[in-house]
Protein backbone atom coordinates (compact mmCIF):
# COMPACT_ATOMS: atom_id res chain seq x y z
CA MET A 1 -28.51 8.51 -11.43
CA THR A 2 -28.27 5.35 -10.00
CA GLY A 3 -29.99 4.08 -6.24
CA ALA A 4 -27.52 3.54 -3.44
CA ASP A 5 -27.94 0.00 -3.73
CA ASP A 6 -27.19 -0.27 -7.40
CA ARG A 7 -23.66 1.35 -7.30
CA LEU A 8 -20.75 -0.99 -7.78
CA LEU A 9 -17.63 -1.08 -6.15
CA THR A 10 -14.32 -3.28 -7.66
CA TYR A 11 -11.78 -4.59 -5.88
CA LEU A 12 -8.12 -6.33 -6.34
CA GLY A 13 -9.08 -9.75 -5.88
CA PRO A 14 -9.61 -12.53 -4.95
CA GLN A 15 -12.41 -12.74 -2.06
CA GLY A 16 -10.67 -12.39 1.41
CA SER A 17 -7.73 -10.19 0.33
CA PHE A 18 -7.01 -7.93 2.27
CA THR A 19 -7.83 -5.36 -0.31
CA HIS A 20 -10.86 -7.34 0.00
CA THR A 21 -11.12 -6.79 3.68
CA SER A 22 -10.16 -2.47 3.16
CA VAL A 23 -14.48 -2.20 2.11
CA ASP A 24 -15.11 -3.26 5.30
CA LEU A 25 -13.01 -0.33 6.96
CA LEU A 26 -14.15 2.47 4.69
CA GLU A 27 -14.99 5.59 6.02
CA THR A 28 -18.59 5.64 4.81
CA PRO A 29 -19.88 1.89 4.64
CA TRP A 30 -20.08 0.63 0.98
CA THR A 31 -24.26 -0.16 0.36
CA GLY A 32 -23.80 -1.20 -2.80
CA ARG A 33 -22.49 -3.51 -4.79
CA VAL A 34 -19.03 -5.52 -4.27
CA GLU A 35 -17.19 -7.29 -6.75
CA ALA A 36 -13.37 -8.63 -7.15
CA ARG A 37 -11.31 -8.22 -10.23
CA ASP A 38 -8.39 -9.97 -11.25
CA SER A 39 -5.73 -7.60 -11.74
CA VAL A 40 -5.25 -3.65 -10.74
CA ALA A 41 -5.49 -2.65 -13.87
CA ASP A 42 -9.17 -4.44 -14.21
CA VAL A 43 -10.24 -2.63 -11.02
CA ILE A 44 -8.89 0.97 -12.72
CA PHE A 45 -10.30 0.61 -15.92
CA SER A 46 -13.64 -0.24 -14.71
CA VAL A 47 -13.94 2.87 -12.79
CA GLU A 48 -12.62 4.97 -15.45
CA SER A 49 -15.12 3.72 -17.92
CA GLY A 50 -17.95 4.18 -15.93
CA GLU A 51 -18.50 0.82 -15.25
CA ALA A 52 -18.14 1.07 -11.35
CA ASP A 53 -18.57 3.61 -9.22
CA ALA A 54 -15.61 3.11 -7.13
CA GLY A 55 -12.73 1.02 -6.81
CA ILE A 56 -10.04 -0.42 -4.24
CA VAL A 57 -6.14 -1.15 -4.88
CA PRO A 58 -3.17 -1.55 -2.81
CA LEU A 59 -1.23 2.07 -2.93
CA GLU A 60 1.54 1.07 -0.14
CA THR A 61 2.94 -1.43 2.02
CA SER A 62 4.88 0.29 5.04
CA VAL A 63 7.83 -2.62 4.24
CA GLU A 64 8.17 -2.24 0.77
CA GLY A 65 7.04 0.95 -0.26
CA ASP A 66 4.60 2.24 -3.42
CA VAL A 67 3.13 -0.76 -5.17
CA SER A 68 4.81 -0.28 -8.30
CA SER A 69 1.76 -2.05 -10.67
CA THR A 70 -0.74 0.47 -9.24
CA ILE A 71 1.36 3.70 -9.56
CA ASP A 72 1.95 2.53 -12.98
CA GLU A 73 -1.27 2.07 -13.96
CA LEU A 74 -2.17 5.36 -12.55
CA ILE A 75 0.21 7.67 -13.96
CA PHE A 76 0.54 6.05 -17.03
CA ARG A 77 -2.64 4.51 -18.40
CA SER A 78 -5.20 5.96 -16.43
CA ALA A 79 -6.17 10.12 -16.73
CA MET A 80 -9.69 10.48 -15.04
CA CYS A 81 -9.36 7.97 -12.13
CA PHE A 82 -8.46 10.15 -8.31
CA VAL A 83 -7.96 8.60 -4.87
CA ASN A 84 -10.80 9.89 -3.21
CA GLU A 85 -9.95 7.53 0.69
CA GLU A 86 -7.02 5.76 1.56
CA ILE A 87 -8.00 3.00 4.10
CA ILE A 88 -4.91 1.63 6.56
CA VAL A 89 -5.68 -1.78 6.92
CA PRO A 90 -3.44 -3.87 8.94
CA VAL A 91 -1.39 -7.16 7.50
CA SER A 92 -2.25 -9.47 9.99
CA TYR A 93 -2.64 -12.98 9.73
CA VAL A 94 -5.04 -15.64 11.39
CA VAL A 95 -4.72 -19.17 11.89
CA ALA A 96 -8.18 -20.58 10.38
CA GLY A 97 -9.00 -24.20 10.81
CA THR A 98 -12.15 -26.41 11.77
CA ALA A 99 -14.17 -25.59 15.39
CA GLY A 100 -11.82 -29.15 16.16
CA ALA A 101 -8.17 -27.64 15.78
CA ARG A 102 -5.72 -27.35 18.51
CA PRO A 103 -2.60 -24.91 17.77
CA GLY A 104 -0.22 -27.79 19.16
CA GLU A 105 -2.05 -30.81 16.93
CA ILE A 106 -1.16 -28.99 13.31
CA ASP A 107 0.37 -31.33 11.08
CA THR A 108 0.07 -28.97 7.49
CA ILE A 109 -0.37 -25.55 6.76
CA VAL A 110 -2.18 -24.41 3.80
CA ALA A 111 -0.72 -20.68 3.09
CA THR A 112 0.44 -18.76 0.18
CA PRO A 113 4.54 -17.49 -0.01
CA ALA A 114 4.10 -14.17 1.45
CA ALA A 115 1.81 -15.28 4.46
CA ALA A 116 4.63 -18.27 4.68
CA ALA A 117 7.20 -15.53 4.73
CA GLN A 118 5.48 -13.37 7.09
CA CYS A 119 4.70 -16.38 9.93
CA ARG A 120 8.23 -17.55 9.75
CA ARG A 121 8.19 -18.38 13.10
CA PHE A 122 5.21 -19.69 13.64
CA ILE A 123 5.41 -22.08 11.17
CA GLU A 124 8.47 -23.26 12.83
CA SER A 125 7.39 -23.64 16.06
CA THR A 126 4.82 -26.38 14.99
CA GLY A 127 6.75 -28.37 12.56
CA ALA A 128 4.59 -29.15 10.15
CA GLN A 129 4.13 -29.48 6.31
CA VAL A 130 3.44 -26.08 4.20
CA ASP A 131 1.32 -26.92 1.21
CA PHE A 132 1.95 -23.49 -0.54
CA VAL A 133 -1.60 -21.94 -2.97
CA ASP A 134 -2.14 -18.83 -4.95
CA SER A 135 -4.25 -16.97 -2.78
CA MET A 136 -5.96 -16.99 0.81
CA ALA A 137 -9.21 -17.74 -0.58
CA THR A 138 -7.76 -20.62 -2.29
CA ALA A 139 -6.31 -21.85 1.60
CA CYS A 140 -9.06 -21.30 3.19
CA GLU A 141 -11.53 -23.34 0.87
CA ARG A 142 -9.16 -25.72 1.01
CA VAL A 143 -8.99 -26.32 4.52
CA ALA A 144 -13.02 -25.96 5.04
CA ALA A 145 -13.23 -28.79 2.37
CA GLN A 146 -11.03 -31.27 3.82
CA GLN A 147 -11.83 -30.81 7.07
CA SER A 148 -9.73 -31.96 9.29
CA ASP A 149 -8.24 -30.97 12.70
CA ARG A 150 -5.06 -31.18 11.86
CA THR A 151 -5.25 -28.59 8.58
CA VAL A 152 -5.27 -24.59 9.06
CA ALA A 153 -4.79 -22.19 6.93
CA LEU A 154 -3.10 -18.93 7.11
CA ALA A 155 -4.73 -16.09 6.38
CA SER A 156 -7.33 -12.63 6.63
CA THR A 157 -9.64 -13.00 9.44
CA LYS A 158 -12.17 -12.39 6.04
CA ALA A 159 -11.22 -14.78 4.14
CA ALA A 160 -11.50 -17.16 6.93
CA HIS A 161 -14.78 -16.21 7.96
CA LEU A 162 -16.10 -16.43 4.62
CA GLN A 163 -15.07 -20.62 4.33
CA GLY A 164 -17.26 -20.63 8.04
CA LEU A 165 -13.36 -21.70 9.76
CA VAL A 166 -12.79 -20.43 12.81
CA THR A 167 -9.48 -18.80 14.49
CA VAL A 168 -7.11 -21.00 16.14
CA ARG A 169 -4.97 -18.59 16.63
CA SER A 170 -4.64 -14.11 15.56
CA GLY A 171 -1.73 -12.56 15.18
CA ALA A 172 0.27 -14.99 13.40
CA GLU A 173 2.89 -12.85 11.52
CA ASP A 174 6.61 -12.67 12.96
CA HIS A 175 6.67 -8.57 13.30
CA SER A 176 2.74 -6.69 14.49
CA GLY A 177 2.63 -3.41 12.78
CA VAL A 178 2.46 -4.62 9.43
CA ASN A 179 0.34 -2.42 6.98
CA THR A 180 -1.04 -1.85 3.52
CA ARG A 181 -2.57 1.29 2.21
CA MET A 182 -5.23 1.31 0.02
CA ALA A 183 -7.14 3.91 -2.13
CA LEU A 184 -10.58 4.32 -3.04
CA LEU A 185 -10.70 5.25 -6.35
CA MET A 186 -13.35 6.86 -8.33
CA ARG A 187 -13.68 9.80 -11.55
CA THR A 188 -13.80 12.30 -9.62
CA LEU A 189 -12.49 14.27 -6.76
CA ALA A 190 -13.25 14.09 -2.97
CA PRO A 191 -14.38 17.26 -1.09
CA GLN A 192 -11.80 19.59 0.97
CA THR A 193 -12.02 18.68 4.40
CA GLY A 194 -9.24 21.08 5.55
CA HIS A 195 -6.34 18.02 6.74
CA ASP A 196 -6.14 16.54 3.26
CA ARG A 197 -3.06 15.76 0.85
CA SER A 198 -2.66 15.81 -2.60
CA VAL A 199 -0.57 12.99 -5.10
CA VAL A 200 0.91 15.22 -8.04
CA VAL A 201 2.57 13.93 -10.61
CA VAL A 202 5.54 16.34 -12.22
CA THR A 203 7.10 15.30 -15.79
CA PRO A 204 9.90 17.82 -16.78
CA ILE A 205 9.92 19.15 -20.22
CA ASP A 206 13.21 19.17 -20.76
CA ASP A 207 16.32 16.97 -18.87
CA ARG A 208 18.95 19.29 -16.89
CA THR A 209 20.76 19.53 -13.76
CA GLY A 210 18.58 20.86 -10.91
CA VAL A 211 15.33 20.12 -12.12
CA LEU A 212 14.42 18.56 -8.94
CA ALA A 213 15.54 21.30 -6.77
CA ASP A 214 13.46 23.47 -8.62
CA ILE A 215 10.33 21.58 -8.73
CA LEU A 216 10.63 20.94 -5.00
CA ALA A 217 11.23 24.79 -4.25
CA CYS A 218 7.94 25.64 -5.88
CA PHE A 219 6.01 23.63 -3.29
CA ALA A 220 8.92 24.97 -0.38
CA ASP A 221 8.20 28.66 -1.34
CA ARG A 222 4.61 28.75 -0.77
CA ASP A 223 5.10 26.86 2.64
CA ILE A 224 3.52 23.21 1.42
CA ALA A 225 4.92 20.53 3.03
CA LEU A 226 6.00 17.66 1.27
CA THR A 227 5.80 14.01 2.64
CA ALA A 228 6.89 11.85 -0.45
CA ILE A 229 8.87 11.59 -3.51
CA SER A 230 9.68 9.12 -5.41
CA SER A 231 10.40 8.86 -8.96
CA ARG A 232 9.17 6.73 -11.89
CA PRO A 233 11.04 6.05 -15.59
CA ILE A 234 9.13 7.47 -18.35
CA ARG A 235 8.95 4.60 -20.59
CA THR A 236 8.90 6.93 -24.13
CA ARG A 237 12.03 8.43 -22.86
CA SER A 238 15.04 6.89 -21.75
CA GLY A 239 17.08 7.33 -19.04
CA GLU A 240 14.10 10.36 -17.95
CA TYR A 241 11.65 9.87 -15.13
CA CYS A 242 9.14 11.89 -13.64
CA PHE A 243 8.30 12.31 -10.16
CA LEU A 244 5.37 11.70 -7.58
CA LEU A 245 4.84 13.73 -4.95
CA THR A 246 2.49 13.68 -2.32
CA ALA A 247 2.10 16.71 -0.59
CA ARG A 248 -0.23 18.33 2.47
CA SER A 249 -3.14 20.34 0.65
CA HIS A 250 -5.63 19.85 -1.36
CA LEU A 251 -6.38 20.88 -5.21
CA ALA A 252 -9.10 23.64 -3.61
CA ASP A 253 -6.30 25.22 -1.64
CA ALA A 254 -5.23 28.48 -3.48
CA ARG A 255 -1.84 28.29 -2.74
CA LEU A 256 -1.20 23.96 -4.18
CA GLN A 257 -3.20 25.62 -7.09
CA ASP A 258 -0.43 28.70 -7.60
CA THR A 259 2.23 25.89 -7.11
CA LEU A 260 1.01 23.94 -9.82
CA ARG A 261 1.17 27.01 -11.82
CA ALA A 262 4.65 27.39 -10.75
CA VAL A 263 6.14 23.89 -11.79
CA ALA A 264 3.91 23.57 -14.86
CA ALA A 265 6.11 27.30 -16.01
CA LEU A 266 9.43 25.67 -15.00
CA PRO A 267 8.46 23.95 -17.98
CA ALA A 268 7.20 21.20 -16.38
CA GLU A 269 3.86 18.97 -17.29
CA VAL A 270 1.42 18.32 -13.98
CA LYS A 271 -0.65 15.11 -13.34
CA LEU A 272 -3.10 14.97 -10.28
CA LEU A 273 -3.73 11.42 -8.67
CA GLY A 274 -6.02 13.15 -5.74
CA SER A 275 -6.74 14.95 -3.35
CA PHE A 276 -8.00 13.32 -0.04
CA PRO A 277 -8.42 13.44 3.45
CA LEU A 278 -5.64 12.16 5.90
CA ALA A 279 -6.02 8.89 7.01
CA ALA A 280 -5.54 8.14 10.83
CA ALA A 281 -2.02 6.90 10.64
CA ASP A 282 -0.71 3.78 12.68
CA THR A 283 1.91 5.21 15.52
CA ARG A 284 2.70 1.74 16.42
CA ARG A 285 6.60 1.19 15.22
CA ILE A 286 7.93 -1.77 13.42
CA ASP A 287 11.28 -2.65 14.72
CA GLU A 288 13.76 0.34 14.66
CA SER A 289 12.57 3.14 13.20
CA ALA A 290 15.92 3.82 11.07
CA PRO A 291 17.44 1.46 9.09
CA PRO A 292 20.64 -0.48 11.00
CA GLY A 293 23.67 1.82 10.65
CA SER A 294 21.91 4.88 11.10
CA VAL A 295 22.97 7.30 13.25
CA GLY A 296 22.11 11.00 14.60
CA GLN A 297 23.76 14.02 15.16
CA ASP A 298 25.58 12.80 18.16
CA THR A 299 27.62 10.47 17.16
CA LEU A 300 27.88 11.43 13.25
CA ASP A 301 31.41 12.55 13.09
CA ALA A 302 32.83 9.72 15.09
CA TRP A 303 30.67 7.69 13.16
CA ILE A 304 32.61 9.19 9.53
CA ALA A 305 35.93 8.96 11.28
CA ALA A 306 35.41 5.21 11.94
CA LEU A 307 34.26 4.68 8.53
CA LEU A 308 37.57 6.96 6.90
CA GLU A 309 39.99 4.99 8.90
CA PRO A 310 38.99 0.71 9.25
CA THR A 311 41.44 0.32 11.96
CA ARG A 312 38.89 2.07 14.56
CA LEU A 313 36.21 -1.08 13.54
CA GLY A 314 39.06 -3.44 14.06
CA LEU A 315 38.74 -3.83 10.47
CA ALA A 316 42.30 -4.05 8.17
CA GLN A 317 43.18 -1.57 5.68
CA PRO A 318 41.68 -2.89 1.94
């Protein structure tokens, strides 16, 4: 058995990425080695092969939902790699520069396309030229190398600190409250805490009407709440899908075990991506909580009538 200092944790690089930031936010501080990998597939392979003791990959963003590259890798290519912890990482950008940099004296901003898109208002307020790079690490490296007080980077705090840059301004993003849910992966399951969630993949054997309803009924009949449902196309069976379900339970719970038996008997194949403690959620809302144009119970009938009769909205009939 290796000692604590010999353990290896891999993460989706490069250095300074928000995935790298999540290493510092683990529930139990990591005392072993930490190394970046070039892709999600590389991180997962390092864990499953035994090269690494743990790995961290992005699982879900609060804006765009599931990170497809991670979900597909875990579902279709991994067999013994389980989510042990979820880490909520705020996606917040700082303006990083040299010690003499001032917000009102910026000529050039070095940023990734993603950072520029999320910090558009700040960029417009400066009137500065934007130079695009492929990572926040590269952005900070360029600013550190140039040593110009008029050139800054949009980056994570981690990336800025790694290059010895100072924070000229924090919270440069247009919308606060955006976050990414990271997954700590290991080859074994996390212990049950009593406040857990499990991610299950269900692949129906037959493509038939009502199969999803039957799957959901297996959980509802045993009083297990589902907090997320999505589908992924089965690559070897055109037009057919497997379902990704997140349940408020742990595999050690007898009710979940009974549920999985019932699902398998439908018939369906079942796969577990992990049972792990619930992360503390950020309760802040990002703009409206529902999409524009959504209505509630009080106005639903009027909304239906108005859509069926466009003249009520001042619109001409097609």
